């Protein structure tokens, strides 16, 4: 199913830092985004984190922090025609959950995923757990084109090729 709100999405990005300088400058400028949609159940429940994230966003960009369910509802409902949205998540597992909720993702950008817990190096400075790798495989099978692109000027690297 194509959620109405996906028509307004200019970038869906996995970056475990969520909103930071690189996203605010290069990705926001490259896409013309005027709205950031952070999707993370833990951050959505943490008032301090929401305040911190909203504090780093420039005044010409709106930021919404959503649980996975609220994000799915919002994407199904849609946005104003003038909204250009960047979806930011910490892990591809969140995108898989949104996909399971009926949101169809055509593309996914893998940005920052640092080594932590059970994550191992996947490609250059990108690290993934086995569960995250499986999530990406599933998303690819569902028709999502996943690429690694740390910064806007980097060439895209096809994750399907890396998973072979």
C-alpha atoms as a PDB file:
ATOM      1  CA  UNK A   1       0.000   0.000   0.000  1.00  0.00           C
ATOM      2  CA  UNK A   2       1.252   3.458  -0.843  1.00  0.00           C
ATOM      3  CA  UNK A   3       0.666   5.690   2.174  1.00  0.00           C
ATOM      4  CA  UNK A   4      -0.419   9.173   1.084  1.00  0.00           C
ATOM      5  CA  UNK A   5       2.293  10.793   3.191  1.00  0.00           C
ATOM      6  CA  UNK A   6       5.078   8.957   1.356  1.00  0.00           C
ATOM      7  CA  UNK A   7       4.484  11.306  -1.590  1.00  0.00           C
ATOM      8  CA  UNK A   8       5.993  14.082   0.554  1.00  0.00           C
ATOM      9  CA  UNK A   9       9.021  12.105   1.749  1.00  0.00           C
ATOM     10  CA  UNK A  10      12.239  13.329   0.134  1.00  0.00           C
ATOM     11  CA  UNK A  11      14.595  11.089   2.129  1.00  0.00           C
ATOM     12  CA  UNK A  12      14.321   8.154   4.502  1.00  0.00           C
ATOM     13  CA  UNK A  13      17.571   7.809   6.419  1.00  0.00           C
ATOM     14  CA  UNK A  14      18.986   5.490   9.063  1.00  0.00           C
ATOM     15  CA  UNK A  15      21.325   7.467  11.296  1.00  0.00           C
ATOM     16  CA  UNK A  16      21.689   6.500  14.939  1.00  0.00           C
ATOM     17  CA  UNK A  17      22.496  10.122  15.800  1.00  0.00           C
ATOM     18  CA  UNK A  18      19.147  11.204  14.304  1.00  0.00           C
ATOM     19  CA  UNK A  19      19.313  15.008  13.961  1.00  0.00           C
ATOM     20  CA  UNK A  20      22.832  16.454  13.893  1.00  0.00           C
ATOM     21  CA  UNK A  21      24.878  18.968  11.926  1.00  0.00           C
ATOM     22  CA  UNK A  22      25.340  16.821   8.821  1.00  0.00           C
ATOM     23  CA  UNK A  23      21.614  16.162   8.508  1.00  0.00           C
ATOM     24  CA  UNK A  24      20.758  19.777   9.252  1.00  0.00           C
ATOM     25  CA  UNK A  25      23.131  21.205   6.680  1.00  0.00           C
ATOM     26  CA  UNK A  26      23.907  18.955   3.737  1.00  0.00           C
ATOM     27  CA  UNK A  27      20.909  16.608   3.615  1.00  0.00           C
ATOM     28  CA  UNK A  28      18.344  19.283   4.397  1.00  0.00           C
ATOM     29  CA  UNK A  29      19.769  21.581   1.729  1.00  0.00           C
ATOM     30  CA  UNK A  30      20.133  18.802  -0.868  1.00  0.00           C
ATOM     31  CA  UNK A  31      16.525  17.686  -0.454  1.00  0.00           C
ATOM     32  CA  UNK A  32      14.863  21.023   0.262  1.00  0.00           C
ATOM     33  CA  UNK A  33      13.212  19.408   3.295  1.00  0.00           C
ATOM     34  CA  UNK A  34      11.144  21.626   5.567  1.00  0.00           C
ATOM     35  CA  UNK A  35      10.073  18.920   8.005  1.00  0.00           C
ATOM     36  CA  UNK A  36      11.954  16.205   9.915  1.00  0.00           C
ATOM     37  CA  UNK A  37      10.090  13.159  11.156  1.00  0.00           C
ATOM     38  CA  UNK A  38      12.081  11.326  13.832  1.00  0.00           C
ATOM     39  CA  UNK A  39      10.643   7.857  14.389  1.00  0.00           C
ATOM     40  CA  UNK A  40      11.802   6.138  17.567  1.00  0.00           C
ATOM     41  CA  UNK A  41       9.678   4.774  20.414  1.00  0.00           C
ATOM     42  CA  UNK A  42      12.292   5.533  23.106  1.00  0.00           C
ATOM     43  CA  UNK A  43      12.982   9.089  21.961  1.00  0.00           C
ATOM     44  CA  UNK A  44       9.238   9.764  21.612  1.00  0.00           C
ATOM     45  CA  UNK A  45       8.825   8.828  25.290  1.00  0.00           C
ATOM     46  CA  UNK A  46      11.742  11.003  26.449  1.00  0.00           C
ATOM     47  CA  UNK A  47      10.817  14.673  26.888  1.00  0.00           C
ATOM     48  CA  UNK A  48      14.431  15.720  27.433  1.00  0.00           C
ATOM     49  CA  UNK A  49      15.585  14.086  24.176  1.00  0.00           C
ATOM     50  CA  UNK A  50      12.705  15.666  22.261  1.00  0.00           C
ATOM     51  CA  UNK A  51      13.672  19.086  23.638  1.00  0.00           C
ATOM     52  CA  UNK A  52      17.333  18.546  22.702  1.00  0.00           C
ATOM     53  CA  UNK A  53      16.442  17.470  19.150  1.00  0.00           C
ATOM     54  CA  UNK A  54      14.059  20.382  18.662  1.00  0.00           C
ATOM     55  CA  UNK A  55      16.782  22.720  19.902  1.00  0.00           C
ATOM     56  CA  UNK A  56      19.184  21.802  17.082  1.00  0.00           C
ATOM     57  CA  UNK A  57      16.677  22.249  14.273  1.00  0.00           C
ATOM     58  CA  UNK A  58      16.756  25.583  12.461  1.00  0.00           C
ATOM     59  CA  UNK A  59      13.684  27.779  12.635  1.00  0.00           C
ATOM     60  CA  UNK A  60      12.707  27.120   9.002  1.00  0.00           C
ATOM     61  CA  UNK A  61      12.381  23.364   9.605  1.00  0.00           C
ATOM     62  CA  UNK A  62       9.713  21.669  11.695  1.00  0.00           C
ATOM     63  CA  UNK A  63      10.545  18.590  13.736  1.00  0.00           C
ATOM     64  CA  UNK A  64       8.122  15.927  14.860  1.00  0.00           C
ATOM     65  CA  UNK A  65       9.094  12.987  17.063  1.00  0.00           C
ATOM     66  CA  UNK A  66       6.875   9.929  16.661  1.00  0.00           C
ATOM     67  CA  UNK A  67       6.459   6.422  17.963  1.00  0.00           C
ATOM     68  CA  UNK A  68       6.432   3.810  15.226  1.00  0.00           C
ATOM     69  CA  UNK A  69       2.637   3.492  15.405  1.00  0.00           C
ATOM     70  CA  UNK A  70       2.039   7.267  15.380  1.00  0.00           C
ATOM     71  CA  UNK A  71       4.444   7.611  12.439  1.00  0.00           C
ATOM     72  CA  UNK A  72       2.571   4.942  10.479  1.00  0.00           C
ATOM     73  CA  UNK A  73      -0.712   6.717  11.207  1.00  0.00           C
ATOM     74  CA  UNK A  74       0.759  10.062  10.125  1.00  0.00           C
ATOM     75  CA  UNK A  75       2.209   8.642   6.908  1.00  0.00           C
ATOM     76  CA  UNK A  76      -1.118   7.042   6.048  1.00  0.00           C
ATOM     77  CA  UNK A  77      -2.960  10.304   6.774  1.00  0.00           C
ATOM     78  CA  UNK A  78      -0.512  12.413   4.770  1.00  0.00           C
ATOM     79  CA  UNK A  79       0.970  15.899   4.972  1.00  0.00           C
ATOM     80  CA  UNK A  80       0.292  19.342   3.548  1.00  0.00           C
ATOM     81  CA  UNK A  81       1.171  19.541  -0.164  1.00  0.00           C
ATOM     82  CA  UNK A  82       4.054  21.927   0.596  1.00  0.00           C
ATOM     83  CA  UNK A  83       5.709  19.607   3.126  1.00  0.00           C
ATOM     84  CA  UNK A  84       9.002  17.979   2.139  1.00  0.00           C
ATOM     85  CA  UNK A  85       9.809  15.393   4.784  1.00  0.00           C
ATOM     86  CA  UNK A  86      12.985  13.630   5.874  1.00  0.00           C
ATOM     87  CA  UNK A  87      12.271  10.501   7.922  1.00  0.00           C
ATOM     88  CA  UNK A  88      15.056   9.760  10.417  1.00  0.00           C
ATOM     89  CA  UNK A  89      15.392   6.487  12.318  1.00  0.00           C
ATOM     90  CA  UNK A  90      18.169   4.890  14.359  1.00  0.00           C
ATOM     91  CA  UNK A  91      17.968   1.436  12.790  1.00  0.00           C
ATOM     92  CA  UNK A  92      16.514  -0.364   9.771  1.00  0.00           C
ATOM     93  CA  UNK A  93      14.419  -2.378  12.244  1.00  0.00           C
ATOM     94  CA  UNK A  94      12.183   0.696  12.602  1.00  0.00           C
ATOM     95  CA  UNK A  95      11.687   0.874   8.836  1.00  0.00           C
ATOM     96  CA  UNK A  96      10.815  -2.826   8.801  1.00  0.00           C
ATOM     97  CA  UNK A  97       8.192  -2.241  11.518  1.00  0.00           C
ATOM     98  CA  UNK A  98       6.732   0.636   9.497  1.00  0.00           C
ATOM     99  CA  UNK A  99       6.722  -1.605   6.435  1.00  0.00           C
ATOM    100  CA  UNK A 100       4.930  -4.301   8.444  1.00  0.00           C
ATOM    101  CA  UNK A 101       2.357  -1.616   9.357  1.00  0.00           C
ATOM    102  CA  UNK A 102       1.640  -1.072   5.664  1.00  0.00           C
ATOM    103  CA  UNK A 103       4.060   1.695   4.712  1.00  0.00           C
ATOM    104  CA  UNK A 104       5.764   1.050   1.362  1.00  0.00           C
ATOM    105  CA  UNK A 105       9.373   2.258   1.177  1.00  0.00           C
ATOM    106  CA  UNK A 106      10.938   2.574  -2.281  1.00  0.00           C
ATOM    107  CA  UNK A 107      14.310   3.846  -1.041  1.00  0.00           C
ATOM    108  CA  UNK A 108      16.302   3.863   2.176  1.00  0.00           C
ATOM    109  CA  UNK A 109      19.564   5.689   2.865  1.00  0.00           C
ATOM    110  CA  UNK A 110      21.929   4.139   5.391  1.00  0.00           C
ATOM    111  CA  UNK A 111      23.999   6.850   7.043  1.00  0.00           C
ATOM    112  CA  UNK A 112      25.453   6.489  10.517  1.00  0.00           C
ATOM    113  CA  UNK A 113      25.268   3.152  12.303  1.00  0.00           C
ATOM    114  CA  UNK A 114      28.095   2.895  14.793  1.00  0.00           C
ATOM    115  CA  UNK A 115      29.580  -0.179  16.405  1.00  0.00           C
ATOM    116  CA  UNK A 116      27.748  -0.954  19.628  1.00  0.00           C
ATOM    117  CA  UNK A 117      26.282  -3.978  21.354  1.00  0.00           C
ATOM    118  CA  UNK A 118      26.135  -6.875  18.910  1.00  0.00           C
ATOM    119  CA  UNK A 119      26.830  -4.765  15.813  1.00  0.00           C
ATOM    120  CA  UNK A 120      29.787  -5.707  13.624  1.00  0.00           C
ATOM    121  CA  UNK A 121      31.377  -3.758  10.803  1.00  0.00           C
ATOM    122  CA  UNK A 122      29.273  -4.084   7.657  1.00  0.00           C
ATOM    123  CA  UNK A 123      30.753  -1.497   5.296  1.00  0.00           C
ATOM    124  CA  UNK A 124      33.410   1.101   6.094  1.00  0.00           C
ATOM    125  CA  UNK A 125      32.150   2.814   9.291  1.00  0.00           C
ATOM    126  CA  UNK A 126      28.657   1.258   9.110  1.00  0.00           C
ATOM    127  CA  UNK A 127      27.990  -1.510  11.618  1.00  0.00           C
ATOM    128  CA  UNK A 128      24.959  -3.813  11.776  1.00  0.00           C
ATOM    129  CA  UNK A 129      23.620  -6.593  13.956  1.00  0.00           C
ATOM    130  CA  UNK A 130      22.439  -9.829  12.363  1.00  0.00           C
ATOM    131  CA  UNK A 131      18.867  -8.709  13.048  1.00  0.00           C
ATOM    132  CA  UNK A 132      19.458  -5.394  11.234  1.00  0.00           C
ATOM    133  CA  UNK A 133      20.994  -7.229   8.265  1.00  0.00           C
ATOM    134  CA  UNK A 134      17.944  -9.507   8.131  1.00  0.00           C
ATOM    135  CA  UNK A 135      15.665  -6.451   8.256  1.00  0.00           C
ATOM    136  CA  UNK A 136      17.473  -4.952   5.261  1.00  0.00           C
ATOM    137  CA  UNK A 137      17.224  -8.236   3.353  1.00  0.00           C
ATOM    138  CA  UNK A 138      13.471  -8.300   3.998  1.00  0.00           C
ATOM    139  CA  UNK A 139      13.037  -4.681   2.917  1.00  0.00           C
ATOM    140  CA  UNK A 140      14.987  -5.369  -0.283  1.00  0.00           C
ATOM    141  CA  UNK A 141      12.730  -8.366  -1.008  1.00  0.00           C
ATOM    142  CA  UNK A 142       9.764  -6.004  -0.589  1.00  0.00           C
ATOM    143  CA  UNK A 143      11.166  -3.733  -3.285  1.00  0.00           C
ATOM    144  CA  UNK A 144      13.103  -1.167  -1.261  1.00  0.00           C
ATOM    145  CA  UNK A 145      16.333   0.083  -2.841  1.00  0.00           C
ATOM    146  CA  UNK A 146      18.765   0.470   0.069  1.00  0.00           C
ATOM    147  CA  UNK A 147      22.003   2.372  -0.357  1.00  0.00           C
ATOM    148  CA  UNK A 148      24.819   3.454   1.906  1.00  0.00           C
ATOM    149  CA  UNK A 149      25.599   7.132   1.516  1.00  0.00           C
ATOM    150  CA  UNK A 150      27.191   8.790   4.523  1.00  0.00           C
ATOM    151  CA  UNK A 151      27.252  12.321   3.129  1.00  0.00           C
ATOM    152  CA  UNK A 152      25.459  13.860   0.160  1.00  0.00           C
ATOM    153  CA  UNK A 153      28.598  13.996  -1.987  1.00  0.00           C
ATOM    154  CA  UNK A 154      29.477  10.321  -1.468  1.00  0.00           C
ATOM    155  CA  UNK A 155      28.580   7.871  -4.231  1.00  0.00           C
ATOM    156  CA  UNK A 156      25.737   5.516  -3.305  1.00  0.00           C
ATOM    157  CA  UNK A 157      26.707   1.935  -2.507  1.00  0.00           C
ATOM    158  CA  UNK A 158      24.002  -0.678  -3.168  1.00  0.00           C
ATOM    159  CA  UNK A 159      23.312  -2.672   0.016  1.00  0.00           C
ATOM    160  CA  UNK A 160      21.915  -5.619  -1.983  1.00  0.00           C
ATOM    161  CA  UNK A 161      25.368  -6.053  -3.507  1.00  0.00           C
ATOM    162  CA  UNK A 162      27.026  -5.833  -0.101  1.00  0.00           C
ATOM    163  CA  UNK A 163      24.714  -8.515   1.307  1.00  0.00           C
ATOM    164  CA  UNK A 164      25.660 -11.101  -1.346  1.00  0.00           C
END
